[in-house]
Amino acid sequence: MYYNELQYVLNEHRRILGKIKPITKDLLIPHIEDLELKIRPGMITLTWTSMNIDSFIEDVNIALKRLENLIIYINDIIENRIENNLKKVSKVILVNLPNNMQPMSLEKFVEVQQTHINNFNYFLMSKNEEIERAVDDLL
């Protein structure tokens, strides 16, 4: 029974650490080290006849679940609040070139560009603020 429970813990450990995005690995180092501290007694002091194997497995499972919830939260922020907004911002056309290739004066060109910029100004500012708040939440 202990073998199966420990095997499950190891598989969960691998699965959960596999969810970590390389870009967030540095942010999670303290949490990973905390998990490793919870696992350490199982590698050093516990034996098959130890009396506290059940509490060890329970502590490790709690730490694994806590780390998994944190990773899910971080990945959600990155994917839905940062990357999606950056994709939307990257699709904004900053210069409005006329479809017809008729010449226009410099003043008219500047006026068209100013109107175009004013139309997208609020959108870009709101996306920038959303990304900024998401990075603050992430940190």
N, C-alpha and C. Protein backbone atom coordinates (compact mmCIF):
# COMPACT_ATOMS: atom_id res chain seq x y z
N MET A 1 0.83 -1.19 0.00
CA MET A 1 0.00 0.00 0.00
C MET A 1 0.89 1.26 0.00
N TYR A 2 1.92 1.27 0.84
CA TYR A 2 2.80 2.44 0.88
C TYR A 2 3.54 2.63 -0.44
N TYR A 3 3.92 1.54 -1.04
CA TYR A 3 4.61 1.62 -2.33
C TYR A 3 3.72 2.31 -3.36
N ASN A 4 2.46 1.90 -3.43
CA ASN A 4 1.54 2.50 -4.40
C ASN A 4 1.30 3.98 -4.09
N GLU A 5 1.15 4.31 -2.83
CA GLU A 5 0.94 5.71 -2.46
C GLU A 5 2.17 6.56 -2.77
N LEU A 6 3.34 6.04 -2.51
CA LEU A 6 4.57 6.77 -2.82
C LEU A 6 4.77 6.89 -4.32
N GLN A 7 4.42 5.86 -5.05
CA GLN A 7 4.51 5.92 -6.52
C GLN A 7 3.58 7.00 -7.06
N TYR A 8 2.38 7.07 -6.49
CA TYR A 8 1.42 8.10 -6.88
C TYR A 8 1.98 9.49 -6.60
N VAL A 9 2.58 9.67 -5.42
CA VAL A 9 3.17 10.96 -5.06
C VAL A 9 4.26 11.34 -6.05
N LEU A 10 5.10 10.40 -6.41
CA LEU A 10 6.17 10.68 -7.38
C LEU A 10 5.61 11.05 -8.75
N ASN A 11 4.58 10.33 -9.18
CA ASN A 11 3.96 10.64 -10.47
C ASN A 11 3.32 12.02 -10.44
N GLU A 12 2.66 12.36 -9.34
CA GLU A 12 2.07 13.69 -9.20
C GLU A 12 3.15 14.77 -9.19
N HIS A 13 4.24 14.49 -8.52
CA HIS A 13 5.37 15.43 -8.47
C HIS A 13 5.86 15.72 -9.89
N ARG A 14 6.07 14.69 -10.68
CA ARG A 14 6.53 14.88 -12.07
C ARG A 14 5.49 15.63 -12.89
N ARG A 15 4.23 15.25 -12.74
CA ARG A 15 3.16 15.87 -13.52
C ARG A 15 3.04 17.36 -13.19
N ILE A 16 3.06 17.68 -11.91
CA ILE A 16 2.89 19.07 -11.50
C ILE A 16 4.09 19.92 -11.91
N LEU A 17 5.29 19.41 -11.72
CA LEU A 17 6.47 20.18 -12.15
C LEU A 17 6.51 20.32 -13.66
N GLY A 18 5.91 19.39 -14.37
CA GLY A 18 5.84 19.49 -15.84
C GLY A 18 4.92 20.60 -16.32
N LYS A 19 4.02 21.07 -15.46
CA LYS A 19 3.11 22.16 -15.82
C LYS A 19 3.78 23.53 -15.76
N ILE A 20 4.96 23.60 -15.16
CA ILE A 20 5.62 24.89 -14.97
C ILE A 20 6.16 25.38 -16.30
N LYS A 21 5.80 26.60 -16.65
CA LYS A 21 6.33 27.23 -17.87
C LYS A 21 7.75 27.70 -17.56
N PRO A 22 8.66 27.53 -18.52
CA PRO A 22 10.05 27.94 -18.27
C PRO A 22 10.19 29.39 -17.83
N ILE A 23 9.33 30.25 -18.32
CA ILE A 23 9.43 31.67 -17.99
C ILE A 23 9.08 31.93 -16.52
N THR A 24 8.31 31.04 -15.89
CA THR A 24 7.90 31.25 -14.50
C THR A 24 8.70 30.42 -13.51
N LYS A 25 9.64 29.66 -14.00
CA LYS A 25 10.40 28.76 -13.12
C LYS A 25 11.09 29.55 -12.00
N ASP A 26 11.69 30.68 -12.32
CA ASP A 26 12.39 31.48 -11.30
C ASP A 26 11.43 32.00 -10.23
N LEU A 27 10.20 32.34 -10.63
CA LEU A 27 9.21 32.81 -9.65
C LEU A 27 8.82 31.71 -8.68
N LEU A 28 8.86 30.48 -9.14
CA LEU A 28 8.38 29.36 -8.33
C LEU A 28 9.47 28.66 -7.53
N ILE A 29 10.70 29.10 -7.65
CA ILE A 29 11.80 28.42 -6.95
C ILE A 29 11.54 28.30 -5.44
N PRO A 30 11.10 29.34 -4.74
CA PRO A 30 10.86 29.16 -3.30
C PRO A 30 9.78 28.10 -3.00
N HIS A 31 8.78 28.03 -3.84
CA HIS A 31 7.70 27.05 -3.63
C HIS A 31 8.17 25.64 -3.94
N ILE A 32 8.99 25.51 -4.96
CA ILE A 32 9.55 24.20 -5.30
C ILE A 32 10.49 23.73 -4.19
N GLU A 33 11.29 24.65 -3.66
CA GLU A 33 12.18 24.29 -2.57
C GLU A 33 11.40 23.88 -1.32
N ASP A 34 10.27 24.55 -1.07
CA ASP A 34 9.42 24.17 0.05
C ASP A 34 8.88 22.75 -0.14
N LEU A 35 8.48 22.43 -1.35
CA LEU A 35 8.01 21.07 -1.65
C LEU A 35 9.13 20.06 -1.46
N GLU A 36 10.32 20.40 -1.91
CA GLU A 36 11.45 19.48 -1.76
C GLU A 36 11.78 19.25 -0.28
N LEU A 37 11.60 20.28 0.55
CA LEU A 37 11.80 20.10 1.99
C LEU A 37 10.78 19.14 2.59
N LYS A 38 9.56 19.19 2.07
CA LYS A 38 8.53 18.26 2.54
C LYS A 38 8.85 16.83 2.10
N ILE A 39 9.48 16.67 0.94
CA ILE A 39 9.80 15.35 0.40
C ILE A 39 11.07 14.76 1.04
N ARG A 40 11.96 15.62 1.48
CA ARG A 40 13.27 15.19 1.98
C ARG A 40 13.22 14.08 3.03
N PRO A 41 12.34 14.12 4.04
CA PRO A 41 12.33 13.02 5.02
C PRO A 41 12.10 11.65 4.37
N GLY A 42 11.32 11.62 3.30
CA GLY A 42 11.08 10.36 2.61
C GLY A 42 12.32 9.83 1.92
N MET A 43 13.24 10.71 1.60
CA MET A 43 14.47 10.28 0.93
C MET A 43 15.58 9.97 1.92
N ILE A 44 15.49 10.51 3.12
CA ILE A 44 16.61 10.39 4.05
C ILE A 44 16.28 9.54 5.28
N THR A 45 15.21 9.87 6.00
CA THR A 45 15.01 9.25 7.31
C THR A 45 13.94 8.16 7.35
N LEU A 46 12.93 8.25 6.51
CA LEU A 46 11.84 7.28 6.59
C LEU A 46 12.24 5.93 6.00
N THR A 47 11.74 4.88 6.62
CA THR A 47 11.92 3.52 6.10
C THR A 47 10.54 2.89 5.98
N TRP A 48 10.47 1.69 5.45
CA TRP A 48 9.18 1.01 5.27
C TRP A 48 8.52 0.70 6.61
N THR A 49 9.28 0.69 7.68
CA THR A 49 8.70 0.37 8.99
C THR A 49 8.47 1.60 9.86
N SER A 50 8.70 2.78 9.32
CA SER A 50 8.49 4.02 10.08
C SER A 50 7.01 4.19 10.42
N MET A 51 6.77 4.80 11.55
CA MET A 51 5.39 4.99 12.02
C MET A 51 4.71 6.22 11.40
N ASN A 52 5.49 7.12 10.87
CA ASN A 52 4.90 8.37 10.38
C ASN A 52 4.85 8.46 8.85
N ILE A 53 4.79 7.36 8.17
CA ILE A 53 4.70 7.37 6.71
C ILE A 53 3.38 8.01 6.27
N ASP A 54 2.30 7.70 6.98
CA ASP A 54 0.99 8.25 6.61
C ASP A 54 0.98 9.78 6.68
N SER A 55 1.53 10.33 7.74
CA SER A 55 1.56 11.79 7.87
C SER A 55 2.50 12.41 6.83
N PHE A 56 3.60 11.70 6.52
CA PHE A 56 4.52 12.18 5.49
C PHE A 56 3.80 12.26 4.14
N ILE A 57 3.09 11.21 3.77
CA ILE A 57 2.38 11.18 2.49
C ILE A 57 1.31 12.27 2.45
N GLU A 58 0.62 12.46 3.55
CA GLU A 58 -0.42 13.49 3.61
C GLU A 58 0.19 14.88 3.46
N ASP A 59 1.31 15.14 4.15
CA ASP A 59 1.98 16.44 4.05
C ASP A 59 2.45 16.70 2.62
N VAL A 60 3.02 15.70 1.98
CA VAL A 60 3.50 15.86 0.62
C VAL A 60 2.34 16.09 -0.34
N ASN A 61 1.25 15.37 -0.16
CA ASN A 61 0.08 15.57 -1.02
C ASN A 61 -0.50 16.97 -0.87
N ILE A 62 -0.53 17.48 0.35
CA ILE A 62 -1.02 18.85 0.58
C ILE A 62 -0.10 19.85 -0.10
N ALA A 63 1.21 19.66 0.04
CA ALA A 63 2.16 20.58 -0.59
C ALA A 63 2.07 20.49 -2.12
N LEU A 64 1.87 19.30 -2.65
CA LEU A 64 1.72 19.14 -4.10
C LEU A 64 0.46 19.85 -4.60
N LYS A 65 -0.63 19.70 -3.88
CA LYS A 65 -1.88 20.34 -4.28
C LYS A 65 -1.75 21.86 -4.22
N ARG A 66 -1.09 22.36 -3.18
CA ARG A 66 -0.89 23.80 -3.06
C ARG A 66 -0.04 24.34 -4.22
N LEU A 67 1.03 23.61 -4.54
CA LEU A 67 1.88 24.04 -5.66
C LEU A 67 1.13 23.95 -6.98
N GLU A 68 0.34 22.90 -7.17
CA GLU A 68 -0.43 22.78 -8.40
C GLU A 68 -1.42 23.92 -8.56
N ASN A 69 -2.11 24.28 -7.48
CA ASN A 69 -3.05 25.41 -7.55
C ASN A 69 -2.33 26.71 -7.90
N LEU A 70 -1.15 26.91 -7.34
CA LEU A 70 -0.37 28.11 -7.65
C LEU A 70 0.06 28.12 -9.11
N ILE A 71 0.51 26.98 -9.61
CA ILE A 71 0.94 26.89 -11.01
C ILE A 71 -0.24 27.14 -11.94
N ILE A 72 -1.39 26.58 -11.63
CA ILE A 72 -2.58 26.80 -12.46
C ILE A 72 -2.94 28.28 -12.46
N TYR A 73 -2.88 28.92 -11.31
CA TYR A 73 -3.20 30.34 -11.20
C TYR A 73 -2.22 31.19 -12.04
N ILE A 74 -0.93 30.88 -11.92
CA ILE A 74 0.09 31.62 -12.67
C ILE A 74 -0.07 31.40 -14.17
N ASN A 75 -0.28 30.15 -14.58
CA ASN A 75 -0.46 29.86 -16.00
C ASN A 75 -1.69 30.55 -16.55
N ASP A 76 -2.75 30.63 -15.75
CA ASP A 76 -3.97 31.31 -16.17
C ASP A 76 -3.71 32.80 -16.39
N ILE A 77 -2.98 33.41 -15.48
CA ILE A 77 -2.65 34.83 -15.63
C ILE A 77 -1.84 35.05 -16.90
N ILE A 78 -0.85 34.22 -17.12
CA ILE A 78 0.02 34.39 -18.29
C ILE A 78 -0.76 34.19 -19.58
N GLU A 79 -1.52 33.12 -19.66
CA GLU A 79 -2.22 32.80 -20.90
C GLU A 79 -3.38 33.74 -21.18
N ASN A 80 -4.21 33.98 -20.19
CA ASN A 80 -5.46 34.70 -20.44
C ASN A 80 -5.37 36.20 -20.25
N ARG A 81 -4.51 36.65 -19.39
CA ARG A 81 -4.47 38.08 -19.12
C ARG A 81 -3.27 38.77 -19.76
N ILE A 82 -2.20 38.06 -20.00
CA ILE A 82 -1.02 38.70 -20.59
C ILE A 82 -0.91 38.36 -22.07
N GLU A 83 -0.76 37.07 -22.38
CA GLU A 83 -0.54 36.68 -23.78
C GLU A 83 -1.70 37.06 -24.69
N ASN A 84 -2.94 36.84 -24.24
CA ASN A 84 -4.09 37.19 -25.08
C ASN A 84 -4.15 38.69 -25.35
N ASN A 85 -3.88 39.50 -24.32
CA ASN A 85 -3.88 40.95 -24.53
C ASN A 85 -2.73 41.39 -25.42
N LEU A 86 -1.57 40.76 -25.28
CA LEU A 86 -0.45 41.11 -26.15
C LEU A 86 -0.75 40.75 -27.61
N LYS A 87 -1.44 39.65 -27.83
CA LYS A 87 -1.83 39.27 -29.19
C LYS A 87 -2.79 40.30 -29.78
N LYS A 88 -3.75 40.75 -28.96
CA LYS A 88 -4.69 41.76 -29.44
C LYS A 88 -3.98 43.06 -29.77
N VAL A 89 -3.04 43.46 -28.94
CA VAL A 89 -2.30 44.69 -29.18
C VAL A 89 -1.44 44.56 -30.43
N SER A 90 -0.86 43.39 -30.63
CA SER A 90 0.02 43.20 -31.79
C SER A 90 -0.75 43.26 -33.11
N LYS A 91 -2.05 43.06 -33.07
CA LYS A 91 -2.85 43.09 -34.30
C LYS A 91 -3.34 44.49 -34.66
N VAL A 92 -3.11 45.44 -33.78
CA VAL A 92 -3.54 46.81 -34.05
C VAL A 92 -2.60 47.42 -35.10
N ILE A 93 -3.20 47.99 -36.10
CA ILE A 93 -2.44 48.66 -37.15
C ILE A 93 -2.21 50.10 -36.71
N LEU A 94 -0.93 50.46 -36.62
CA LEU A 94 -0.60 51.78 -36.08
C LEU A 94 -0.63 52.89 -37.12
N VAL A 95 -0.46 52.53 -38.37
CA VAL A 95 -0.49 53.54 -39.44
C VAL A 95 -1.61 53.18 -40.40
N ASN A 96 -2.45 54.14 -40.66
CA ASN A 96 -3.58 53.93 -41.55
C ASN A 96 -3.20 54.37 -42.96
N LEU A 97 -2.84 53.43 -43.77
CA LEU A 97 -2.51 53.74 -45.16
C LEU A 97 -3.78 53.65 -46.00
N PRO A 98 -4.01 54.65 -46.83
CA PRO A 98 -5.25 54.63 -47.62
C PRO A 98 -5.25 53.47 -48.62
N ASN A 99 -6.45 52.92 -48.85
CA ASN A 99 -6.59 51.82 -49.81
C ASN A 99 -6.34 52.29 -51.23
N ASN A 100 -6.84 53.44 -51.53
CA ASN A 100 -6.58 53.97 -52.88
C ASN A 100 -5.21 54.65 -52.87
N MET A 101 -4.52 54.54 -53.91
CA MET A 101 -3.15 55.05 -53.98
C MET A 101 -3.09 56.46 -54.56
N GLN A 102 -4.07 57.24 -54.24
CA GLN A 102 -4.06 58.61 -54.74
C GLN A 102 -3.21 59.47 -53.82
N PRO A 103 -2.50 60.38 -54.37
CA PRO A 103 -1.65 61.25 -53.56
C PRO A 103 -2.50 62.14 -52.63
N MET A 104 -1.91 62.41 -51.46
CA MET A 104 -2.56 63.33 -50.54
C MET A 104 -1.50 64.24 -49.95
N SER A 105 -1.95 65.36 -49.50
CA SER A 105 -1.01 66.32 -48.92
C SER A 105 -0.52 65.82 -47.57
N LEU A 106 0.57 66.37 -47.13
CA LEU A 106 1.15 66.00 -45.84
C LEU A 106 0.17 66.31 -44.70
N GLU A 107 -0.48 67.46 -44.79
CA GLU A 107 -1.43 67.85 -43.76
C GLU A 107 -2.59 66.86 -43.68
N LYS A 108 -3.09 66.44 -44.85
CA LYS A 108 -4.19 65.47 -44.88
C LYS A 108 -3.73 64.12 -44.32
N PHE A 109 -2.52 63.70 -44.66
CA PHE A 109 -1.98 62.44 -44.15
C PHE A 109 -1.86 62.49 -42.62
N VAL A 110 -1.35 63.59 -42.10
CA VAL A 110 -1.21 63.75 -40.65
C VAL A 110 -2.59 63.74 -40.00
N GLU A 111 -3.55 64.37 -40.61
CA GLU A 111 -4.91 64.40 -40.06
C GLU A 111 -5.52 62.99 -40.03
N VAL A 112 -5.34 62.24 -41.09
CA VAL A 112 -5.86 60.87 -41.15
C VAL A 112 -5.19 60.01 -40.08
N GLN A 113 -3.88 60.17 -39.92
CA GLN A 113 -3.16 59.38 -38.92
C GLN A 113 -3.58 59.76 -37.50
N GLN A 114 -3.79 61.05 -37.27
CA GLN A 114 -4.21 61.51 -35.95
C GLN A 114 -5.58 60.94 -35.59
N THR A 115 -6.48 60.93 -36.54
CA THR A 115 -7.81 60.35 -36.32
C THR A 115 -7.70 58.87 -36.02
N HIS A 116 -6.87 58.19 -36.78
CA HIS A 116 -6.66 56.75 -36.59
C HIS A 116 -6.07 56.47 -35.20
N ILE A 117 -5.10 57.25 -34.81
CA ILE A 117 -4.47 57.07 -33.49
C ILE A 117 -5.48 57.33 -32.37
N ASN A 118 -6.28 58.36 -32.52
CA ASN A 118 -7.29 58.67 -31.51
C ASN A 118 -8.31 57.54 -31.37
N ASN A 119 -8.62 56.88 -32.48
CA ASN A 119 -9.59 55.78 -32.43
C ASN A 119 -9.05 54.59 -31.63
N PHE A 120 -7.76 54.32 -31.71
CA PHE A 120 -7.18 53.16 -31.04
C PHE A 120 -6.49 53.50 -29.72
N ASN A 121 -6.42 54.76 -29.38
CA ASN A 121 -5.73 55.19 -28.17
C ASN A 121 -6.32 54.54 -26.92
N TYR A 122 -7.64 54.62 -26.75
CA TYR A 122 -8.28 54.07 -25.55
C TYR A 122 -8.08 52.55 -25.49
N PHE A 123 -8.22 51.89 -26.63
CA PHE A 123 -8.05 50.43 -26.68
C PHE A 123 -6.65 50.04 -26.22
N LEU A 124 -5.64 50.69 -26.76
CA LEU A 124 -4.26 50.35 -26.41
C LEU A 124 -3.96 50.67 -24.94
N MET A 125 -4.48 51.78 -24.45
CA MET A 125 -4.26 52.13 -23.05
C MET A 125 -4.92 51.12 -22.11
N SER A 126 -6.13 50.69 -22.45
CA SER A 126 -6.83 49.74 -21.58
C SER A 126 -6.12 48.37 -21.59
N LYS A 127 -5.65 47.94 -22.74
CA LYS A 127 -4.91 46.67 -22.81
C LYS A 127 -3.60 46.77 -22.05
N ASN A 128 -2.94 47.91 -22.15
CA ASN A 128 -1.70 48.12 -21.42
C ASN A 128 -1.94 48.04 -19.91
N GLU A 129 -3.01 48.66 -19.44
CA GLU A 129 -3.34 48.61 -18.01
C GLU A 129 -3.69 47.20 -17.56
N GLU A 130 -4.41 46.46 -18.39
CA GLU A 130 -4.75 45.08 -18.06
C GLU A 130 -3.49 44.22 -17.94
N ILE A 131 -2.58 44.40 -18.87
CA ILE A 131 -1.33 43.64 -18.84
C ILE A 131 -0.52 44.03 -17.61
N GLU A 132 -0.46 45.30 -17.31
CA GLU A 132 0.28 45.77 -16.15
C GLU A 132 -0.28 45.19 -14.85
N ARG A 133 -1.60 45.20 -14.71
CA ARG A 133 -2.24 44.62 -13.52
C ARG A 133 -1.98 43.11 -13.44
N ALA A 134 -1.98 42.43 -14.57
CA ALA A 134 -1.74 41.00 -14.58
C ALA A 134 -0.30 40.70 -14.13
N VAL A 135 0.65 41.49 -14.59
CA VAL A 135 2.05 41.28 -14.18
C VAL A 135 2.20 41.56 -12.69
N ASP A 136 1.53 42.59 -12.19
CA ASP A 136 1.56 42.87 -10.75
C ASP A 136 0.98 41.70 -9.96
N ASP A 137 -0.14 41.15 -10.42
CA ASP A 137 -0.74 39.99 -9.75
C ASP A 137 0.19 38.78 -9.80
N LEU A 138 0.86 38.64 -10.91
CA LEU A 138 1.78 37.52 -11.08
C LEU A 138 2.94 37.61 -10.10
N LEU A 139 3.47 38.82 -9.96
CA LEU A 139 4.61 38.99 -9.03
C LEU A 139 4.14 38.92 -7.60
